[in-house]
Amino acid sequence: MNKIEMSSKQFKIYLAFAFGLAWILQIVGSVFANNGNQSTFSVILMICMYMPFLGAVIARVPFRGMGWKPHLKGKIQYLFFALWMPALLSILGGGLFFAVFPDAFDSDFQTACSILEEQGALKQLEAQGITIPMYLAVTAILAVTVAPFFNMFAALGEEVGWRGVLYPYLKERFGVNRGRIVGGAVWGAWHWPAMLLAGYEYGKEYIGAPVLGLLVFCVFGSVMGILVDYVYEKTQTIWAPSLLHGAINAFTIFGYLTKPEYTDKAILGPMYIGVISMMPLIITAVIICIKQKKQDVKNHRS
C-alpha cells in the first residue's frame, strides 16, 4: 500500500483547497457553459483537474513515494488494464443499456451530426469525404490507443490528489475497501457544481434531476475509484492511474449513439456513468473488493 506522511491538519488544508479552488472554477465555468461557450467551459474544467495537485502543494504534502519513476518490470499487464479496461466496460455497459432500450440506438446518427455541427466540424468532415461512421470508428480507435496518453497529463493533476494523497489517508484509517469507497464518493462530490449548474455529465433534464445525478455519480466515483486505485497499488506508479483516468475520459463514443429523445435517460446510460451501463463496472469492482478482503484476512492471520 502506498503511504504518505501527512498530518490531519495538512489533510484538511489539502481537502479545503482541492475542493474550494475547483468549485470556484466550476461555478465560473458554468456561467460560460450556460451562455453557450462550451469551449471555454472545457478549458476551465481542464484547469480544474489540477486543483487537487495544487491543494497538495499548498498543504505541503510530501510527493515522495507516489511513484514518479515507474518500475514496470513484471507489471506491464496492469498498463494494458489501464489502457483498455475502460473501453471494454463501456462497450459492455453500453450494450446492456441498448439491450434494455433498443429504440434508443441512433442508427441514423442524428445526435452525432448535431454534436459535430455545434463544434463546427461537420462541414469539414463532409468536405474531406469522411462519413459519420468513419469518424466514430477513428474516434474509437484513438480512444484505446493514443488519446489516453494525451489525457494522462491532464488526469495527473487529479491523480496526485486522489490516489496519491486522499486514498492513502483514507485507507490508512478505514481499511483498503472502505477507504476506496469513501474516497470515490469524495471524488464524485468534487464534480457537483459543474453538474448542478452546467448539466455536466447527465445534462439538466434527466430522470431524477438534479439530485439523483449527484448521488449516482458518487457511486460511479466509488466503483471506478476501486479500479483506478487497484492499478495504482499494483504498479506503485502515479502514471498508471493517470493513464486509466485518461482512458476513462477518452472513451465517450456512446454519447454520439443515443437518439436525442432519449437524453432524459442519461442517468441510466449508455455512458458508464449511468445506472444500467455501470453494472459491468460494479461487478468488476466487487471482484476486486472480494480479492482485497481475502488478502486482508490472509495478512491478518500471518
Protein backbone atom coordinates (compact mmCIF):
# COMPACT_ATOMS: atom_id res chain seq x y z
CA MET A 1 0.00 0.00 0.00
CA ASN A 2 1.27 3.49 -0.87
CA LYS A 3 1.71 5.59 2.25
CA ILE A 4 2.40 9.27 2.77
CA GLU A 5 3.44 11.21 5.83
CA MET A 6 0.67 13.74 6.39
CA SER A 7 -0.92 15.20 9.48
CA SER A 8 -4.65 15.64 10.00
CA LYS A 9 -4.16 19.40 9.67
CA GLN A 10 -2.37 19.00 6.33
CA PHE A 11 -5.15 16.74 5.09
CA LYS A 12 -7.83 19.29 5.98
CA ILE A 13 -5.90 22.08 4.27
CA TYR A 14 -5.39 19.91 1.20
CA LEU A 15 -9.08 18.99 1.00
CA ALA A 16 -10.21 22.59 1.54
CA PHE A 17 -8.12 23.92 -1.34
CA ALA A 18 -8.67 20.92 -3.63
CA PHE A 19 -12.42 21.48 -3.33
CA GLY A 20 -12.55 25.24 -2.81
CA LEU A 21 -10.47 26.20 -5.82
CA ALA A 22 -12.12 23.60 -8.04
CA TRP A 23 -15.63 24.59 -7.04
CA ILE A 24 -14.90 28.27 -7.73
CA LEU A 25 -13.60 27.36 -11.18
CA GLN A 26 -16.59 25.12 -11.87
CA ILE A 27 -19.00 27.89 -10.91
CA VAL A 28 -17.22 30.35 -13.19
CA GLY A 29 -17.05 27.78 -15.98
CA SER A 30 -20.76 27.06 -15.66
CA VAL A 31 -21.52 30.70 -16.46
CA PHE A 32 -19.71 30.29 -19.77
CA ALA A 33 -21.41 26.95 -20.44
CA ASN A 34 -24.86 28.40 -19.84
CA ASN A 35 -24.05 31.24 -22.24
CA GLY A 36 -23.22 28.75 -24.96
CA ASN A 37 -19.44 28.97 -24.66
CA GLN A 38 -18.66 25.27 -24.26
CA SER A 39 -15.04 25.59 -25.39
CA THR A 40 -14.20 27.97 -22.53
CA PHE A 41 -16.08 25.69 -20.13
CA SER A 42 -13.97 22.74 -21.30
CA VAL A 43 -10.73 24.67 -20.82
CA ILE A 44 -11.75 25.71 -17.31
CA LEU A 45 -12.60 22.09 -16.44
CA MET A 46 -9.17 21.03 -17.65
CA ILE A 47 -7.54 23.64 -15.41
CA CYS A 48 -9.81 22.44 -12.62
CA MET A 49 -8.23 18.99 -12.84
CA TYR A 50 -5.01 20.37 -11.37
CA MET A 51 -6.64 21.81 -8.26
CA PRO A 52 -6.15 18.59 -6.21
CA PHE A 53 -2.47 18.76 -7.16
CA LEU A 54 -2.33 22.43 -6.15
CA GLY A 55 -4.14 21.64 -2.90
CA ALA A 56 -1.45 19.10 -2.06
CA VAL A 57 1.26 21.68 -2.80
CA ILE A 58 -0.40 24.32 -0.60
CA ALA A 59 -0.80 21.81 2.23
CA ARG A 60 2.87 20.85 1.82
CA VAL A 61 2.06 17.21 1.43
CA PRO A 62 5.24 15.27 0.55
CA PHE A 63 5.26 13.97 -3.02
CA ARG A 64 7.91 11.35 -2.48
CA GLY A 65 6.67 7.80 -2.52
CA MET A 66 3.98 8.44 -5.15
CA GLY A 67 5.97 6.55 -7.78
CA TRP A 68 7.25 9.23 -10.11
CA LYS A 69 9.86 6.90 -11.56
CA PRO A 70 7.94 3.88 -12.84
CA HIS A 71 9.42 0.43 -12.40
CA LEU A 72 7.15 -1.70 -14.55
CA LYS A 73 9.07 -4.95 -14.90
CA GLY A 74 6.53 -7.71 -14.40
CA LYS A 75 3.68 -5.18 -14.23
CA ILE A 76 3.03 -4.40 -17.90
CA GLN A 77 -0.30 -6.24 -17.78
CA TYR A 78 -1.66 -3.54 -15.48
CA LEU A 79 -0.82 -0.87 -18.04
CA PHE A 80 -2.91 -2.73 -20.59
CA PHE A 81 -5.62 -3.00 -17.94
CA ALA A 82 -5.45 0.79 -17.51
CA LEU A 83 -5.46 1.41 -21.25
CA TRP A 84 -8.25 -0.95 -22.33
CA MET A 85 -10.47 -1.81 -19.36
CA PRO A 86 -12.47 1.46 -19.51
CA ALA A 87 -13.30 0.81 -23.18
CA LEU A 88 -14.25 -2.81 -22.51
CA LEU A 89 -16.51 -1.86 -19.58
CA SER A 90 -18.01 0.96 -21.63
CA ILE A 91 -18.86 -1.40 -24.51
CA LEU A 92 -20.38 -3.97 -22.16
CA GLY A 93 -22.36 -1.32 -20.28
CA GLY A 94 -23.50 0.44 -23.44
CA GLY A 95 -24.55 -2.87 -24.94
CA LEU A 96 -26.56 -3.64 -21.82
CA PHE A 97 -28.31 -0.26 -21.99
CA PHE A 98 -29.24 -0.71 -25.66
CA ALA A 99 -30.45 -4.23 -24.90
CA VAL A 100 -32.90 -2.68 -22.41
CA PHE A 101 -33.72 0.30 -24.65
CA PRO A 102 -33.12 -0.93 -28.24
CA ASP A 103 -35.02 2.03 -29.74
CA ALA A 104 -32.53 4.42 -28.12
CA PHE A 105 -29.76 3.46 -30.54
CA ASP A 106 -29.27 6.25 -33.07
CA SER A 107 -28.69 4.30 -36.28
CA ASP A 108 -29.23 7.50 -38.31
CA PHE A 109 -26.52 9.33 -36.32
CA GLN A 110 -28.74 12.34 -35.64
CA THR A 111 -27.00 13.07 -32.35
CA ALA A 112 -23.52 12.71 -33.82
CA CYS A 113 -24.41 15.13 -36.63
CA SER A 114 -25.84 17.61 -34.15
CA ILE A 115 -22.77 17.48 -31.88
CA LEU A 116 -20.32 17.80 -34.75
CA GLU A 117 -22.32 20.66 -36.25
CA GLU A 118 -22.21 22.53 -32.93
CA GLN A 119 -18.45 22.00 -32.86
CA GLY A 120 -18.14 23.31 -36.40
CA ALA A 121 -16.60 20.04 -37.57
CA LEU A 122 -19.42 18.52 -39.65
CA LYS A 123 -18.80 20.56 -42.81
CA GLN A 124 -15.06 19.89 -42.58
CA LEU A 125 -15.66 16.15 -42.40
CA GLU A 126 -18.09 16.26 -45.31
CA ALA A 127 -15.59 18.26 -47.38
CA GLN A 128 -12.98 15.58 -46.77
CA GLY A 129 -15.38 12.79 -47.65
CA ILE A 130 -15.41 11.41 -44.11
CA THR A 131 -18.72 9.86 -43.12
CA ILE A 132 -20.09 9.81 -39.56
CA PRO A 133 -19.45 6.04 -39.15
CA MET A 134 -15.86 6.54 -40.35
CA TYR A 135 -15.38 9.40 -37.91
CA LEU A 136 -16.77 7.38 -34.99
CA ALA A 137 -14.59 4.39 -35.89
CA VAL A 138 -11.46 6.53 -35.91
CA THR A 139 -12.53 8.17 -32.65
CA ALA A 140 -12.97 4.75 -31.02
CA ILE A 141 -9.55 3.58 -32.22
CA LEU A 142 -7.86 6.72 -30.93
CA ALA A 143 -9.69 6.27 -27.60
CA VAL A 144 -7.92 2.95 -26.97
CA THR A 145 -4.51 3.88 -28.39
CA VAL A 146 -3.30 7.47 -28.42
CA ALA A 147 -5.91 9.58 -26.59
CA PRO A 148 -5.42 8.06 -23.09
CA PHE A 149 -1.74 9.00 -23.17
CA PHE A 150 -2.57 12.61 -24.04
CA ASN A 151 -5.31 12.72 -21.41
CA MET A 152 -2.93 11.20 -18.87
CA PHE A 153 -1.12 14.50 -18.34
CA ALA A 154 -4.36 16.34 -17.52
CA ALA A 155 -5.54 13.46 -15.33
CA LEU A 156 -2.25 13.56 -13.41
CA GLY A 157 -3.47 16.70 -11.64
CA GLU A 158 -6.35 14.78 -10.11
CA GLU A 159 -4.48 11.53 -9.55
CA VAL A 160 -1.79 13.14 -7.44
CA GLY A 161 -4.56 14.50 -5.23
CA TRP A 162 -6.88 11.50 -5.20
CA ARG A 163 -4.81 8.33 -5.47
CA GLY A 164 -1.61 9.98 -4.24
CA VAL A 165 -3.00 11.84 -1.20
CA LEU A 166 -6.70 11.22 -0.47
CA TYR A 167 -6.87 7.45 -0.88
CA PRO A 168 -3.75 6.56 1.17
CA TYR A 169 -5.02 8.75 4.01
CA LEU A 170 -8.50 7.17 3.98
CA LYS A 171 -7.24 3.60 3.51
CA GLU A 172 -4.95 4.00 6.48
CA ARG A 173 -7.94 4.96 8.65
CA PHE A 174 -10.78 2.87 7.25
CA GLY A 175 -9.06 -0.06 5.56
CA VAL A 176 -8.48 -0.53 1.85
CA ASN A 177 -12.01 -1.32 0.66
CA ARG A 178 -13.83 1.22 2.82
CA GLY A 179 -11.18 3.84 2.13
CA ARG A 180 -11.59 3.37 -1.60
CA ILE A 181 -15.38 3.61 -1.39
CA VAL A 182 -15.31 6.78 0.72
CA GLY A 183 -12.58 8.27 -1.46
CA GLY A 184 -14.62 7.61 -4.58
CA ALA A 185 -17.65 9.34 -3.11
CA VAL A 186 -15.45 12.36 -2.35
CA TRP A 187 -14.11 12.24 -5.90
CA GLY A 188 -17.68 12.24 -7.23
CA ALA A 189 -18.80 15.12 -5.00
CA TRP A 190 -15.88 17.20 -6.26
CA HIS A 191 -17.78 17.47 -9.61
CA TRP A 192 -21.06 18.66 -8.12
CA PRO A 193 -21.05 22.40 -9.00
CA ALA A 194 -20.49 21.71 -12.71
CA MET A 195 -23.17 19.03 -12.62
CA LEU A 196 -25.73 21.22 -10.87
CA LEU A 197 -25.09 24.45 -12.72
CA ALA A 198 -23.98 23.36 -16.19
CA GLY A 199 -25.53 19.92 -16.54
CA TYR A 200 -22.11 18.29 -16.70
CA GLU A 201 -22.25 14.51 -17.35
CA TYR A 202 -26.06 13.94 -17.31
CA GLY A 203 -27.47 17.22 -18.60
CA LYS A 204 -30.24 19.06 -16.74
CA GLU A 205 -33.39 17.22 -17.76
CA TYR A 206 -32.63 13.62 -16.91
CA ILE A 207 -34.89 11.43 -14.77
CA GLY A 208 -34.49 12.45 -11.12
CA ALA A 209 -32.70 15.73 -11.88
CA PRO A 210 -30.95 17.45 -10.28
CA VAL A 211 -30.29 15.35 -7.15
CA LEU A 212 -30.20 11.79 -8.49
CA GLY A 213 -27.27 12.50 -10.78
CA LEU A 214 -25.18 13.77 -7.88
CA LEU A 215 -25.75 10.53 -5.95
CA VAL A 216 -25.26 8.20 -8.92
CA PHE A 217 -22.03 9.94 -9.88
CA CYS A 218 -20.68 9.37 -6.37
CA VAL A 219 -21.47 5.68 -6.82
CA PHE A 220 -19.61 5.81 -10.13
CA GLY A 221 -16.69 7.53 -8.40
CA SER A 222 -16.56 4.81 -5.76
CA VAL A 223 -16.62 1.84 -8.13
CA MET A 224 -14.33 3.39 -10.75
CA GLY A 225 -12.04 4.59 -7.98
CA ILE A 226 -11.62 0.99 -6.88
CA LEU A 227 -10.28 0.07 -10.33
CA VAL A 228 -8.03 3.13 -10.53
CA ASP A 229 -6.56 2.60 -7.07
CA TYR A 230 -6.15 -1.12 -7.78
CA VAL A 231 -3.91 -0.24 -10.72
CA TYR A 232 -2.01 2.24 -8.56
CA GLU A 233 -1.36 -0.36 -5.87
CA LYS A 234 -0.25 -2.97 -8.40
CA THR A 235 2.13 -0.69 -10.28
CA GLN A 236 3.26 1.65 -7.49
CA THR A 237 3.50 4.49 -10.00
CA ILE A 238 1.23 7.55 -10.23
CA TRP A 239 1.40 7.38 -14.05
CA ALA A 240 -0.66 4.17 -14.24
CA PRO A 241 -3.83 5.55 -12.58
CA SER A 242 -3.36 8.73 -14.60
CA LEU A 243 -3.38 6.61 -17.76
CA LEU A 244 -6.53 4.78 -16.65
CA HIS A 245 -8.19 8.10 -15.78
CA GLY A 246 -7.18 9.38 -19.20
CA ALA A 247 -8.70 6.29 -20.82
CA ILE A 248 -11.96 6.87 -18.91
CA ASN A 249 -12.16 10.39 -20.30
CA ALA A 250 -11.24 9.23 -23.80
CA PHE A 251 -13.91 6.62 -24.48
CA THR A 252 -17.05 8.71 -24.94
CA ILE A 253 -18.34 7.25 -28.20
CA PHE A 254 -21.71 6.19 -26.74
CA GLY A 255 -22.53 9.84 -26.23
CA TYR A 256 -22.81 10.02 -30.03
CA LEU A 257 -25.01 6.95 -30.42
CA THR A 258 -28.15 7.77 -28.43
CA LYS A 259 -31.22 9.32 -30.06
CA PRO A 260 -31.92 12.91 -28.96
CA GLU A 261 -35.30 11.95 -27.46
CA TYR A 262 -33.54 9.60 -25.04
CA THR A 263 -31.32 12.24 -23.42
CA ASP A 264 -33.55 12.15 -20.34
CA LYS A 265 -32.33 8.55 -19.87
CA ALA A 266 -28.69 9.68 -19.46
CA ILE A 267 -28.89 8.76 -15.77
CA LEU A 268 -29.40 5.15 -16.94
CA GLY A 269 -26.87 5.02 -19.80
CA PRO A 270 -25.39 4.32 -22.29
CA MET A 271 -22.26 6.00 -20.90
CA TYR A 272 -20.85 4.00 -18.00
CA ILE A 273 -21.83 6.75 -15.58
CA GLY A 274 -25.43 5.54 -16.00
CA VAL A 275 -27.14 3.14 -13.57
CA ILE A 276 -27.68 0.36 -16.13
CA SER A 277 -24.44 0.77 -18.07
CA MET A 278 -22.48 0.90 -14.82
CA MET A 279 -23.29 -2.72 -13.97
CA PRO A 280 -20.20 -4.32 -15.60
CA LEU A 281 -18.05 -1.78 -13.76
CA ILE A 282 -19.76 -2.56 -10.45
CA ILE A 283 -19.21 -6.30 -10.95
CA THR A 284 -15.52 -5.71 -11.68
CA ALA A 285 -15.17 -3.51 -8.59
CA VAL A 286 -16.89 -6.11 -6.40
CA ILE A 287 -14.47 -8.79 -7.62
CA ILE A 288 -11.52 -6.56 -6.72
CA CYS A 289 -13.01 -5.87 -3.28
CA ILE A 290 -13.53 -9.59 -2.61
CA LYS A 291 -9.92 -10.32 -3.53
CA GLN A 292 -8.77 -7.46 -1.30
CA LYS A 293 -10.86 -8.78 1.58
CA LYS A 294 -9.27 -12.21 1.23
CA GLN A 295 -5.82 -10.60 1.16
CA ASP A 296 -6.64 -8.60 4.30
CA VAL A 297 -7.69 -11.79 6.11
CA LYS A 298 -4.53 -13.56 4.98
CA ASN A 299 -2.34 -10.68 6.14
CA HIS A 300 -4.13 -10.58 9.49
CA ARG A 301 -3.59 -14.29 10.09
CA SER A 302 0.08 -14.06 9.22
